[in-house]
Full PDB file with SEQRES, HELIX, SHEET, SSBOND, CRYST1, ORIGX, SCALE, CONECT and MASTER records, all heavy atoms in Angstrom:
SEQRES   1 A   38  SER VAL ASP ILE THR GLY THR ALA ARG ASP GLY HIS LEU          
SEQRES   2 A   38  LEU TYR LEU TYR PHE PRO PHE THR ALA SER ALA THR SER          
SEQRES   3 A   38  THR ARG SER VAL GLU ALA TRP SER GLY TYR ASN ASN              
SHEET    1 AA1 2 GLY A  11  TYR A  17  0                                        
SHEET    2 AA1 2 SER A  26  ALA A  32 -1                                        
CRYST1    1.000    1.000    1.000  90.00  90.00  90.00 P 1           1          
ORIGX1      1.000000  0.000000  0.000000        0.00000                         
ORIGX2      0.000000  1.000000  0.000000        0.00000                         
ORIGX3      0.000000  0.000000  1.000000        0.00000                         
SCALE1      1.000000  0.000000  0.000000        0.00000                         
SCALE2      0.000000  1.000000  0.000000        0.00000                         
SCALE3      0.000000  0.000000  1.000000        0.00000                         
ATOM      1  N   SER A   1     223.347  97.461 -49.152  1.00  0.00           N  
ATOM      2  CA  SER A   1     224.496  97.526 -48.258  1.00  0.00           C  
ATOM      3  C   SER A   1     225.813  97.122 -48.890  1.00  0.00           C  
ATOM      4  O   SER A   1     226.857  97.636 -48.530  1.00  0.00           O  
ATOM      5  CB  SER A   1     224.252  96.653 -47.030  1.00  0.00           C  
ATOM      6  OG  SER A   1     224.043  95.306 -47.410  1.00  0.00           O  
ATOM      7  N   VAL A   2     225.792  96.165 -49.821  1.00  0.00           N  
ATOM      8  CA  VAL A   2     227.051  95.673 -50.356  1.00  0.00           C  
ATOM      9  C   VAL A   2     226.855  95.135 -51.760  1.00  0.00           C  
ATOM     10  O   VAL A   2     225.745  94.816 -52.171  1.00  0.00           O  
ATOM     11  CB  VAL A   2     227.640  94.542 -49.472  1.00  0.00           C  
ATOM     12  CG1 VAL A   2     228.179  95.074 -48.171  1.00  0.00           C  
ATOM     13  CG2 VAL A   2     226.604  93.473 -49.210  1.00  0.00           C  
ATOM     14  N   ASP A   3     227.930  95.023 -52.514  1.00  0.00           N  
ATOM     15  CA  ASP A   3     227.892  94.462 -53.857  1.00  0.00           C  
ATOM     16  C   ASP A   3     228.194  92.975 -53.769  1.00  0.00           C  
ATOM     17  O   ASP A   3     229.218  92.584 -53.219  1.00  0.00           O  
ATOM     18  CB  ASP A   3     228.928  95.158 -54.736  1.00  0.00           C  
ATOM     19  CG  ASP A   3     228.643  94.983 -56.206  1.00  0.00           C  
ATOM     20  OD1 ASP A   3     228.029  93.961 -56.560  1.00  0.00           O  
ATOM     21  OD2 ASP A   3     229.012  95.858 -56.991  1.00  0.00           O  
ATOM     22  N   ILE A   4     227.305  92.134 -54.310  1.00  0.00           N  
ATOM     23  CA  ILE A   4     227.458  90.693 -54.122  1.00  0.00           C  
ATOM     24  C   ILE A   4     227.552  89.932 -55.439  1.00  0.00           C  
ATOM     25  O   ILE A   4     227.372  88.722 -55.477  1.00  0.00           O  
ATOM     26  CB  ILE A   4     226.296  90.115 -53.304  1.00  0.00           C  
ATOM     27  CG1 ILE A   4     224.947  90.456 -53.957  1.00  0.00           C  
ATOM     28  CG2 ILE A   4     226.343  90.619 -51.876  1.00  0.00           C  
ATOM     29  CD1 ILE A   4     223.785  89.716 -53.358  1.00  0.00           C  
ATOM     30  N   THR A   5     227.814  90.604 -56.536  1.00  0.00           N  
ATOM     31  CA  THR A   5     227.864  89.923 -57.822  1.00  0.00           C  
ATOM     32  C   THR A   5     228.895  88.800 -57.807  1.00  0.00           C  
ATOM     33  O   THR A   5     230.064  89.023 -57.517  1.00  0.00           O  
ATOM     34  CB  THR A   5     228.222  90.914 -58.940  1.00  0.00           C  
ATOM     35  OG1 THR A   5     227.271  91.973 -58.943  1.00  0.00           O  
ATOM     36  CG2 THR A   5     228.195  90.231 -60.287  1.00  0.00           C  
ATOM     37  N   GLY A   6     228.469  87.581 -58.122  1.00  0.00           N  
ATOM     38  CA  GLY A   6     229.406  86.478 -58.273  1.00  0.00           C  
ATOM     39  C   GLY A   6     229.240  85.379 -57.253  1.00  0.00           C  
ATOM     40  O   GLY A   6     228.562  85.520 -56.243  1.00  0.00           O  
ATOM     41  N   THR A   7     229.888  84.274 -57.542  1.00  0.00           N  
ATOM     42  CA  THR A   7     229.734  83.082 -56.725  1.00  0.00           C  
ATOM     43  C   THR A   7     230.752  82.974 -55.596  1.00  0.00           C  
ATOM     44  O   THR A   7     230.625  82.112 -54.737  1.00  0.00           O  
ATOM     45  CB  THR A   7     229.844  81.826 -57.613  1.00  0.00           C  
ATOM     46  OG1 THR A   7     231.108  81.853 -58.294  1.00  0.00           O  
ATOM     47  CG2 THR A   7     228.720  81.790 -58.643  1.00  0.00           C  
ATOM     48  N   ALA A   8     231.786  83.808 -55.594  1.00  0.00           N  
ATOM     49  CA  ALA A   8     232.776  83.750 -54.511  1.00  0.00           C  
ATOM     50  C   ALA A   8     232.148  84.224 -53.206  1.00  0.00           C  
ATOM     51  O   ALA A   8     231.267  85.084 -53.196  1.00  0.00           O  
ATOM     52  CB  ALA A   8     233.977  84.613 -54.867  1.00  0.00           C  
ATOM     53  N   ARG A   9     232.599  83.663 -52.092  1.00  0.00           N  
ATOM     54  CA  ARG A   9     232.071  84.027 -50.781  1.00  0.00           C  
ATOM     55  C   ARG A   9     232.634  85.372 -50.345  1.00  0.00           C  
ATOM     56  O   ARG A   9     233.847  85.583 -50.328  1.00  0.00           O  
ATOM     57  CB  ARG A   9     232.431  82.932 -49.767  1.00  0.00           C  
ATOM     58  CG  ARG A   9     231.809  83.086 -48.391  1.00  0.00           C  
ATOM     59  CD  ARG A   9     230.302  83.012 -48.408  1.00  0.00           C  
ATOM     60  NE  ARG A   9     229.781  81.744 -48.852  1.00  0.00           N  
ATOM     61  CZ  ARG A   9     229.500  80.739 -48.033  1.00  0.00           C  
ATOM     62  NH1 ARG A   9     229.708  80.835 -46.743  1.00  0.00           N  
ATOM     63  NH2 ARG A   9     228.988  79.620 -48.509  1.00  0.00           N  
ATOM     64  N   ASP A  10     231.724  86.308 -50.005  1.00  0.00           N  
ATOM     65  CA  ASP A  10     232.107  87.642 -49.553  1.00  0.00           C  
ATOM     66  C   ASP A  10     231.795  87.794 -48.074  1.00  0.00           C  
ATOM     67  O   ASP A  10     230.908  87.129 -47.537  1.00  0.00           O  
ATOM     68  CB  ASP A  10     231.350  88.715 -50.337  1.00  0.00           C  
ATOM     69  CG  ASP A  10     231.574  88.607 -51.833  1.00  0.00           C  
ATOM     70  OD1 ASP A  10     232.722  88.346 -52.220  1.00  0.00           O  
ATOM     71  OD2 ASP A  10     230.609  88.769 -52.596  1.00  0.00           O  
ATOM     72  N   GLY A  11     232.511  88.707 -47.406  1.00  0.00           N  
ATOM     73  CA  GLY A  11     232.286  88.943 -45.988  1.00  0.00           C  
ATOM     74  C   GLY A  11     231.687  90.311 -45.738  1.00  0.00           C  
ATOM     75  O   GLY A  11     232.078  91.294 -46.374  1.00  0.00           O  
ATOM     76  N   HIS A  12     230.723  90.378 -44.820  1.00  0.00           N  
ATOM     77  CA  HIS A  12     230.032  91.627 -44.525  1.00  0.00           C  
ATOM     78  C   HIS A  12     229.858  91.803 -43.021  1.00  0.00           C  
ATOM     79  O   HIS A  12     229.617  90.832 -42.297  1.00  0.00           O  
ATOM     80  CB  HIS A  12     228.624  91.651 -45.145  1.00  0.00           C  
ATOM     81  CG  HIS A  12     228.505  90.966 -46.460  1.00  0.00           C  
ATOM     82  ND1 HIS A  12     228.930  91.553 -47.630  1.00  0.00           N  
ATOM     83  CD2 HIS A  12     228.007  89.757 -46.809  1.00  0.00           C  
ATOM     84  CE1 HIS A  12     228.688  90.719 -48.637  1.00  0.00           C  
ATOM     85  NE2 HIS A  12     228.143  89.623 -48.165  1.00  0.00           N  
ATOM     86  N   LEU A  13     229.942  93.042 -42.573  1.00  0.00           N  
ATOM     87  CA  LEU A  13     229.569  93.423 -41.216  1.00  0.00           C  
ATOM     88  C   LEU A  13     228.496  94.496 -41.308  1.00  0.00           C  
ATOM     89  O   LEU A  13     228.666  95.491 -42.023  1.00  0.00           O  
ATOM     90  CB  LEU A  13     230.759  93.980 -40.433  1.00  0.00           C  
ATOM     91  CG  LEU A  13     231.834  92.998 -39.966  1.00  0.00           C  
ATOM     92  CD1 LEU A  13     232.968  93.763 -39.288  1.00  0.00           C  
ATOM     93  CD2 LEU A  13     231.261  91.978 -39.010  1.00  0.00           C  
ATOM     94  N   LEU A  14     227.392  94.301 -40.618  1.00  0.00           N  
ATOM     95  CA  LEU A  14     226.308  95.279 -40.588  1.00  0.00           C  
ATOM     96  C   LEU A  14     226.057  95.663 -39.136  1.00  0.00           C  
ATOM     97  O   LEU A  14     225.809  94.802 -38.292  1.00  0.00           O  
ATOM     98  CB  LEU A  14     225.038  94.681 -41.208  1.00  0.00           C  
ATOM     99  CG  LEU A  14     223.745  95.479 -41.059  1.00  0.00           C  
ATOM    100  CD1 LEU A  14     223.864  96.858 -41.701  1.00  0.00           C  
ATOM    101  CD2 LEU A  14     222.578  94.710 -41.669  1.00  0.00           C  
ATOM    102  N   TYR A  15     226.140  96.965 -38.848  1.00  0.00           N  
ATOM    103  CA  TYR A  15     225.919  97.478 -37.503  1.00  0.00           C  
ATOM    104  C   TYR A  15     224.548  98.152 -37.438  1.00  0.00           C  
ATOM    105  O   TYR A  15     224.207  98.952 -38.320  1.00  0.00           O  
ATOM    106  CB  TYR A  15     226.995  98.498 -37.129  1.00  0.00           C  
ATOM    107  CG  TYR A  15     228.404  97.972 -37.175  1.00  0.00           C  
ATOM    108  CD1 TYR A  15     229.132  97.990 -38.357  1.00  0.00           C  
ATOM    109  CD2 TYR A  15     229.010  97.449 -36.028  1.00  0.00           C  
ATOM    110  CE1 TYR A  15     230.435  97.496 -38.407  1.00  0.00           C  
ATOM    111  CE2 TYR A  15     230.312  96.962 -36.074  1.00  0.00           C  
ATOM    112  CZ  TYR A  15     231.010  96.995 -37.268  1.00  0.00           C  
ATOM    113  OH  TYR A  15     232.303  96.504 -37.309  1.00  0.00           O  
ATOM    114  N   LEU A  16     223.774  97.840 -36.400  1.00  0.00           N  
ATOM    115  CA  LEU A  16     222.484  98.479 -36.159  1.00  0.00           C  
ATOM    116  C   LEU A  16     222.531  99.164 -34.804  1.00  0.00           C  
ATOM    117  O   LEU A  16     222.904  98.543 -33.799  1.00  0.00           O  
ATOM    118  CB  LEU A  16     221.350  97.447 -36.172  1.00  0.00           C  
ATOM    119  CG  LEU A  16     221.127  96.649 -37.459  1.00  0.00           C  
ATOM    120  CD1 LEU A  16     219.995  95.650 -37.249  1.00  0.00           C  
ATOM    121  CD2 LEU A  16     220.809  97.573 -38.630  1.00  0.00           C  
ATOM    122  N   TYR A  17     222.126 100.438 -34.761  1.00  0.00           N  
ATOM    123  CA  TYR A  17     222.184 101.215 -33.537  1.00  0.00           C  
ATOM    124  C   TYR A  17     220.773 101.566 -33.067  1.00  0.00           C  
ATOM    125  O   TYR A  17     220.034 102.264 -33.754  1.00  0.00           O  
ATOM    126  CB  TYR A  17     222.997 102.494 -33.765  1.00  0.00           C  
ATOM    127  CG  TYR A  17     224.399 102.218 -34.271  1.00  0.00           C  
ATOM    128  CD1 TYR A  17     224.697 102.311 -35.629  1.00  0.00           C  
ATOM    129  CD2 TYR A  17     225.414 101.843 -33.399  1.00  0.00           C  
ATOM    130  CE1 TYR A  17     225.980 102.049 -36.096  1.00  0.00           C  
ATOM    131  CE2 TYR A  17     226.698 101.586 -33.863  1.00  0.00           C  
ATOM    132  CZ  TYR A  17     226.965 101.688 -35.209  1.00  0.00           C  
ATOM    133  OH  TYR A  17     228.243 101.422 -35.679  1.00  0.00           O  
ATOM    134  N   PHE A  18     220.376 101.042 -31.919  1.00  0.00           N  
ATOM    135  CA  PHE A  18     219.085 101.289 -31.283  1.00  0.00           C  
ATOM    136  C   PHE A  18     217.893 100.915 -32.178  1.00  0.00           C  
ATOM    137  O   PHE A  18     216.927 101.673 -32.283  1.00  0.00           O  
ATOM    138  CB  PHE A  18     218.973 102.749 -30.846  1.00  0.00           C  
ATOM    139  CG  PHE A  18     219.906 103.112 -29.719  1.00  0.00           C  
ATOM    140  CD1 PHE A  18     221.171 103.617 -29.988  1.00  0.00           C  
ATOM    141  CD2 PHE A  18     219.530 102.927 -28.400  1.00  0.00           C  
ATOM    142  CE1 PHE A  18     222.046 103.935 -28.949  1.00  0.00           C  
ATOM    143  CE2 PHE A  18     220.393 103.246 -27.358  1.00  0.00           C  
ATOM    144  CZ  PHE A  18     221.663 103.751 -27.629  1.00  0.00           C  
ATOM    145  N   PRO A  19     217.900  99.748 -32.820  1.00  0.00           N  
ATOM    146  CA  PRO A  19     216.771  99.384 -33.676  1.00  0.00           C  
ATOM    147  C   PRO A  19     215.496  99.063 -32.894  1.00  0.00           C  
ATOM    148  O   PRO A  19     214.392  99.248 -33.420  1.00  0.00           O  
ATOM    149  CB  PRO A  19     217.273  98.148 -34.423  1.00  0.00           C  
ATOM    150  CG  PRO A  19     218.279  97.539 -33.498  1.00  0.00           C  
ATOM    151  CD  PRO A  19     218.955  98.706 -32.844  1.00  0.00           C  
ATOM    152  N   PHE A  20     215.633  98.565 -31.643  1.00  0.00           N  
ATOM    153  CA  PHE A  20     214.445  98.197 -30.882  1.00  0.00           C  
ATOM    154  C   PHE A  20     213.807  99.401 -30.203  1.00  0.00           C  
ATOM    155  O   PHE A  20     212.623  99.397 -29.884  1.00  0.00           O  
ATOM    156  CB  PHE A  20     214.794  97.132 -29.833  1.00  0.00           C  
ATOM    157  CG  PHE A  20     213.591  96.493 -29.197  1.00  0.00           C  
ATOM    158  CD1 PHE A  20     212.883  95.504 -29.859  1.00  0.00           C  
ATOM    159  CD2 PHE A  20     213.163  96.888 -27.938  1.00  0.00           C  
ATOM    160  CE1 PHE A  20     211.763  94.915 -29.285  1.00  0.00           C  
ATOM    161  CE2 PHE A  20     212.051  96.305 -27.354  1.00  0.00           C  
ATOM    162  CZ  PHE A  20     211.347  95.314 -28.028  1.00  0.00           C  
ATOM    163  N   THR A  21     214.601 100.450 -29.983  1.00  0.00           N  
ATOM    164  CA  THR A  21     214.086 101.676 -29.376  1.00  0.00           C  
ATOM    165  C   THR A  21     213.207 102.418 -30.376  1.00  0.00           C  
ATOM    166  O   THR A  21     213.503 102.459 -31.571  1.00  0.00           O  
ATOM    167  CB  THR A  21     215.242 102.581 -28.940  1.00  0.00           C  
ATOM    168  OG1 THR A  21     216.100 101.846 -28.054  1.00  0.00           O  
ATOM    169  CG2 THR A  21     214.737 103.824 -28.241  1.00  0.00           C  
ATOM    170  N   ALA A  22     212.129 103.012 -29.890  1.00  0.00           N  
ATOM    171  CA  ALA A  22     211.213 103.746 -30.771  1.00  0.00           C  
ATOM    172  C   ALA A  22     211.821 105.093 -31.154  1.00  0.00           C  
ATOM    173  O   ALA A  22     211.406 106.156 -30.693  1.00  0.00           O  
ATOM    174  CB  ALA A  22     209.871 103.928 -30.090  1.00  0.00           C  
ATOM    175  N   SER A  23     212.836 105.031 -31.994  1.00  0.00           N  
ATOM    176  CA  SER A  23     213.525 106.218 -32.492  1.00  0.00           C  
ATOM    177  C   SER A  23     214.116 105.867 -33.855  1.00  0.00           C  
ATOM    178  O   SER A  23     214.044 104.720 -34.289  1.00  0.00           O  
ATOM    179  CB  SER A  23     214.637 106.660 -31.534  1.00  0.00           C  
ATOM    180  OG  SER A  23     215.600 105.643 -31.394  1.00  0.00           O  
ATOM    181  N   ALA A  24     214.683 106.846 -34.535  1.00  0.00           N  
ATOM    182  CA  ALA A  24     215.345 106.569 -35.811  1.00  0.00           C  
ATOM    183  C   ALA A  24     216.482 105.579 -35.594  1.00  0.00           C  
ATOM    184  O   ALA A  24     217.196 105.647 -34.594  1.00  0.00           O  
ATOM    185  CB  ALA A  24     215.869 107.857 -36.425  1.00  0.00           C  
ATOM    186  N   THR A  25     216.652 104.635 -36.523  1.00  0.00           N  
ATOM    187  CA  THR A  25     217.686 103.605 -36.422  1.00  0.00           C  
ATOM    188  C   THR A  25     218.834 103.930 -37.358  1.00  0.00           C  
ATOM    189  O   THR A  25     218.644 104.047 -38.568  1.00  0.00           O  
ATOM    190  CB  THR A  25     217.111 102.227 -36.785  1.00  0.00           C  
ATOM    191  OG1 THR A  25     216.068 101.892 -35.871  1.00  0.00           O  
ATOM    192  CG2 THR A  25     218.192 101.155 -36.727  1.00  0.00           C  
ATOM    193  N   SER A  26     220.042 104.070 -36.827  1.00  0.00           N  
ATOM    194  CA  SER A  26     221.232 104.286 -37.639  1.00  0.00           C  
ATOM    195  C   SER A  26     221.872 102.954 -37.997  1.00  0.00           C  
ATOM    196  O   SER A  26     221.803 101.995 -37.224  1.00  0.00           O  
ATOM    197  CB  SER A  26     222.243 105.156 -36.884  1.00  0.00           C  
ATOM    198  OG  SER A  26     221.705 106.424 -36.594  1.00  0.00           O  
ATOM    199  N   THR A  27     222.493 102.895 -39.172  1.00  0.00           N  
ATOM    200  CA  THR A  27     223.117 101.651 -39.627  1.00  0.00           C  
ATOM    201  C   THR A  27     224.454 101.949 -40.297  1.00  0.00           C  
ATOM    202  O   THR A  27     224.693 103.051 -40.787  1.00  0.00           O  
ATOM    203  CB  THR A  27     222.233 100.911 -40.643  1.00  0.00           C  
ATOM    204  OG1 THR A  27     222.228 101.617 -41.891  1.00  0.00           O  
ATOM    205  CG2 THR A  27     220.800 100.786 -40.156  1.00  0.00           C  
ATOM    206  N   ARG A  28     225.305 100.933 -40.314  1.00  0.00           N  
ATOM    207  CA  ARG A  28     226.536 101.009 -41.096  1.00  0.00           C  
ATOM    208  C   ARG A  28     226.907  99.603 -41.544  1.00  0.00           C  
ATOM    209  O   ARG A  28     226.800  98.654 -40.763  1.00  0.00           O  
ATOM    210  CB  ARG A  28     227.689 101.592 -40.289  1.00  0.00           C  
ATOM    211  CG  ARG A  28     228.955 101.769 -41.137  1.00  0.00           C  
ATOM    212  CD  ARG A  28     230.161 102.161 -40.331  1.00  0.00           C  
ATOM    213  NE  ARG A  28     231.331 102.338 -41.180  1.00  0.00           N  
ATOM    214  CZ  ARG A  28     232.579 102.404 -40.715  1.00  0.00           C  
ATOM    215  NH1 ARG A  28     232.808 102.321 -39.426  1.00  0.00           N  
ATOM    216  NH2 ARG A  28     233.593 102.556 -41.553  1.00  0.00           N  
ATOM    217  N   SER A  29     227.327  99.461 -42.782  1.00  0.00           N  
ATOM    218  CA  SER A  29     227.770  98.154 -43.269  1.00  0.00           C  
ATOM    219  C   SER A  29     229.124  98.302 -43.960  1.00  0.00           C  
ATOM    220  O   SER A  29     229.386  99.302 -44.624  1.00  0.00           O  
ATOM    221  CB  SER A  29     226.755  97.551 -44.238  1.00  0.00           C  
ATOM    222  OG  SER A  29     226.608  98.359 -45.383  1.00  0.00           O  
ATOM    223  N   VAL A  30     229.972  97.299 -43.764  1.00  0.00           N  
ATOM    224  CA  VAL A  30     231.287  97.270 -44.384  1.00  0.00           C  
ATOM    225  C   VAL A  30     231.453  95.917 -45.047  1.00  0.00           C  
ATOM    226  O   VAL A  30     231.177  94.880 -44.429  1.00  0.00           O  
ATOM    227  CB  VAL A  30     232.413  97.500 -43.362  1.00  0.00           C  
ATOM    228  CG1 VAL A  30     233.773  97.472 -44.047  1.00  0.00           C  
ATOM    229  CG2 VAL A  30     232.210  98.814 -42.622  1.00  0.00           C  
ATOM    230  N   GLU A  31     231.931  95.907 -46.289  1.00  0.00           N  
ATOM    231  CA  GLU A  31     232.084  94.660 -47.026  1.00  0.00           C  
ATOM    232  C   GLU A  31     233.495  94.501 -47.569  1.00  0.00           C  
ATOM    233  O   GLU A  31     234.119  95.461 -48.016  1.00  0.00           O  
ATOM    234  CB  GLU A  31     231.105  94.627 -48.195  1.00  0.00           C  
ATOM    235  CG  GLU A  31     231.250  93.398 -49.078  1.00  0.00           C  
ATOM    236  CD  GLU A  31     230.987  93.698 -50.549  1.00  0.00           C  
ATOM    237  OE1 GLU A  31     231.043  94.871 -50.936  1.00  0.00           O  
ATOM    238  OE2 GLU A  31     230.744  92.747 -51.298  1.00  0.00           O  
ATOM    239  N   ALA A  32     233.980  93.286 -47.516  1.00  0.00           N  
ATOM    240  CA  ALA A  32     235.187  92.900 -48.239  1.00  0.00           C  
ATOM    241  C   ALA A  32     234.737  91.985 -49.371  1.00  0.00           C  
ATOM    242  O   ALA A  32     234.275  90.871 -49.127  1.00  0.00           O  
ATOM    243  CB  ALA A  32     236.162  92.178 -47.321  1.00  0.00           C  
ATOM    244  N   TRP A  33     234.855  92.467 -50.583  1.00  0.00           N  
ATOM    245  CA  TRP A  33     234.324  91.758 -51.749  1.00  0.00           C  
ATOM    246  C   TRP A  33     235.458  91.095 -52.517  1.00  0.00           C  
ATOM    247  O   TRP A  33     236.549  91.643 -52.656  1.00  0.00           O  
ATOM    248  CB  TRP A  33     233.586  92.754 -52.638  1.00  0.00           C  
ATOM    249  CG  TRP A  33     232.847  92.166 -53.797  1.00  0.00           C  
ATOM    250  CD1 TRP A  33     232.170  90.987 -53.835  1.00  0.00           C  
ATOM    251  CD2 TRP A  33     232.711  92.747 -55.087  1.00  0.00           C  
ATOM    252  NE1 TRP A  33     231.602  90.793 -55.071  1.00  0.00           N  
ATOM    253  CE2 TRP A  33     231.928  91.869 -55.864  1.00  0.00           C  
ATOM    254  CE3 TRP A  33     233.168  93.932 -55.669  1.00  0.00           C  
ATOM    255  CZ2 TRP A  33     231.600  92.125 -57.184  1.00  0.00           C  
ATOM    256  CZ3 TRP A  33     232.825  94.198 -56.983  1.00  0.00           C  
ATOM    257  CH2 TRP A  33     232.048  93.293 -57.720  1.00  0.00           C  
ATOM    258  N   SER A  34     235.186  89.919 -53.051  1.00  0.00           N  
ATOM    259  CA  SER A  34     236.226  89.152 -53.737  1.00  0.00           C  
ATOM    260  C   SER A  34     236.642  89.774 -55.062  1.00  0.00           C  
ATOM    261  O   SER A  34     237.672  89.419 -55.622  1.00  0.00           O  
ATOM    262  CB  SER A  34     235.724  87.732 -53.985  1.00  0.00           C  
ATOM    263  OG  SER A  34     234.575  87.763 -54.819  1.00  0.00           O  
ATOM    264  N   GLY A  35     235.830  90.692 -55.590  1.00  0.00           N  
ATOM    265  CA  GLY A  35     236.166  91.311 -56.867  1.00  0.00           C  
ATOM    266  C   GLY A  35     235.837  90.425 -58.049  1.00  0.00           C  
ATOM    267  O   GLY A  35     236.656  90.208 -58.937  1.00  0.00           O  
ATOM    268  N   TYR A  36     234.641  89.884 -58.086  1.00  0.00           N  
ATOM    269  CA  TYR A  36     234.194  89.030 -59.173  1.00  0.00           C  
ATOM    270  C   TYR A  36     234.356  89.767 -60.504  1.00  0.00           C  
ATOM    271  O   TYR A  36     233.992  90.923 -60.639  1.00  0.00           O  
ATOM    272  CB  TYR A  36     232.734  88.651 -58.962  1.00  0.00           C  
ATOM    273  CG  TYR A  36     232.124  87.819 -60.051  1.00  0.00           C  
ATOM    274  CD1 TYR A  36     232.515  86.501 -60.248  1.00  0.00           C  
ATOM    275  CD2 TYR A  36     231.138  88.349 -60.872  1.00  0.00           C  
ATOM    276  CE1 TYR A  36     231.946  85.732 -61.238  1.00  0.00           C  
ATOM    277  CE2 TYR A  36     230.554  87.583 -61.863  1.00  0.00           C  
ATOM    278  CZ  TYR A  36     230.964  86.278 -62.037  1.00  0.00           C  
ATOM    279  OH  TYR A  36     230.387  85.525 -63.017  1.00  0.00           O  
ATOM    280  N   ASN A  37     234.932  89.091 -61.518  1.00  0.00           N  
ATOM    281  CA  ASN A  37     235.232  89.703 -62.823  1.00  0.00           C  
ATOM    282  C   ASN A  37     236.150  90.905 -62.679  1.00  0.00           C  
ATOM    283  O   ASN A  37     236.135  91.823 -63.478  1.00  0.00           O  
ATOM    284  CB  ASN A  37     233.951  90.130 -63.555  1.00  0.00           C  
ATOM    285  CG  ASN A  37     233.264  88.948 -64.222  1.00  0.00           C  
ATOM    286  OD1 ASN A  37     233.875  87.901 -64.428  1.00  0.00           O  
ATOM    287  ND2 ASN A  37     231.997  89.108 -64.551  1.00  0.00           N  
ATOM    288  N   ASN A  38     236.952  90.911 -61.623  1.00  0.00           N  
ATOM    289  CA  ASN A  38     237.765  92.086 -61.337  1.00  0.00           C  
ATOM    290  C   ASN A  38     238.944  91.626 -60.473  1.00  0.00           C  
ATOM    291  O   ASN A  38     238.734  91.066 -59.414  1.00  0.00           O  
ATOM    292  CB  ASN A  38     236.926  93.108 -60.575  1.00  0.00           C  
ATOM    293  CG  ASN A  38     237.576  94.471 -60.579  1.00  0.00           C  
ATOM    294  OD1 ASN A  38     238.527  94.715 -61.304  1.00  0.00           O  
ATOM    295  ND2 ASN A  38     237.057  95.355 -59.775  1.00  0.00           N  
TER     296      ASN A  38                                                      
MASTER        0    0    0    0    2    0    0    6  295    1    0    3          
END                                                                             
């Protein structure tokens, strides 16, 4: 879902759509990364 290389604290949002329902589960994740070594 996201790139986590490094010791800086990164923020992530992960969305799950209908995971408990017996159907295909859609997902989306968005990350704000600190840019370790960058």
